[in-house]
Amino acid sequence: MSFFRKIVALVGNIGADPSDSEQVRLLKRIWTITLALAVPLTAGIALTYLLMAQWRPAVFWLIQAVFWFGSLFLFAVVRKNIEIFALSSQTLLVLSSFVITCLLGGFFRSDGAIFMGLIGVLYAMVFPNRRRAFFLFLLYLSLFSVALIFELTIFRSDAVRPPVSTFFFWITFVLVAAFTVFTIYYFVGQRDRTFRLLQAEKERSESLLRRIEKDLELAAKIQRDFLPRHDPRIEHFEISGSNVSCYEVGGDYYDFVPVDPYRLGIAVGDVSGKGIGAALLMASLRAALRAEIHPRYRIEDMAAKINDFVYHSSAISSFITFFYCEVDRNREEVLYVNAGHNPPLVLRTDGSLETLEGTGFCLGMFSGAVYEAKSVRLKSGDIALLYTDGIPESRNADGAEYSMERLVSLLRRHARLPAAEIVAAIAADAKGFIRDARQCDDQTLVVIKRTEA
């Protein structure tokens, strides 16, 4: 039994290809084993007719044997186009059974050769294309009916039937029945094997997904710990921030970094890409930023060093848009660098609006990039809004964009509110705008509001 299984496995692997799906492998096994059985069967029938000196059926079955062997050999070389090979074989089985039936003198004198056509129909049902099987079955019934008509009108059905014809009739019937049972048994066995493999693969995939979910939950927790846990308190300023990731982890970043008792560094960054890769680069940015900030640092030198760090430690396609400013509680000026980030908005108490444009390339784009430090005056009541593009570029289910106009309008309407309430209002409005649509980018914003001295 073990030897038989090895032979079946060896034949079933003819024409196998590593890129095949499990369904295609199953179809190839059934097809190659069918051919392997058809070759000796048709050759044996041809030899039997040859010994009986019946040349026409002998030549016919010999041609069949050569066709099946050639198909098996060709498929072993090509390994593809299983549907084309199968269709040609199925059609040949149906047509050839009719031809040999007519050559032998009709249905009752053909030794039951017409039954061979049923194998073609059964064979077609194994393949996913059920419509093809239906049309082949109609073709078989039509040819079967024609054979009966020829028997009654042309081939003299009343003629004496040789005893050998009866013998061959039942032999053919038994062989077709045995082949049918074997094919169904093999197909069901392979289907169950495939089902078990798919079930095992499903269990492994579910286990992997559960592990990935736990890892993502842990990564999300670690990333949340990187972000500020509460808003900073600095005299003469209200400062508040918010971050909403579109996935479990994201590439947006904001931070409040104390420089000394009088100064506070505020950073907002947006890493190219999304997901875990962006989150890892964001963590590296945070570490590099905090390593470079000390009481005697210069923000333009700090930006240049972080740029080189990102350039040498990340992929060539990775970069970070980055805005950093330093708030001094004793001064009205805010010093900043803008490395290719969305220009922050400065809303004055008189209603005028300014933007803090870029002062250098995005971090990580070019080695040795130089950054210019600039300053902006914030008087009592003035507001600076730092944000990432995930807010103005967000879209709702209808494809409409949130837009900068809506963001500016909302900022104007809520300008009298405290910084934390402005942040909450913008975040809520962005969420309400998206509604049931999928958030496609991380959303981060920081509000800096100058209060009365």
Foldseek 3Di string as FASTA:
>chain_A
DVVVVVVLVVQLCQLPDPPDDLLVSLLSSLLSVVLVVLLVVLQVVLVVCVVVVNNPSNVLSVVVNVVSVVLSVVSSVVSDPSVVSLLVVLLCQLVSLLVQQVVQQFCQRSLQSLLSNVVSLLSVVLDPPVVSSVVSVVSSVVSNVVRHVCNVPPRPVVDDHDPVSPVSNVVVVVVSVVVSVVSVVSSVVSVVVVVVVVVVVVVVVVVVVVVVVVVLLVLLVVLVVLEDPFFDDAAQKFKDKDKDFLDSAWQWDWYWADADNFKIKIKTKHKPDTDDVSRVLNVVLSVLLNVQGYNPHDVQVSLLVQLQVLQVPDDQPIFMFMKMWMDGNVFQKIKIATAPFFFKWKAAPVGDIDTRDHQWHTRNNDHRTTGDMDMDGADALIKIKDKHPLQQQWAAPVRDGNHPVVVSVLCVVCSVPGQHVSNVSSVVVSCVRRPPPRRDGMIMMMMMHGHHD
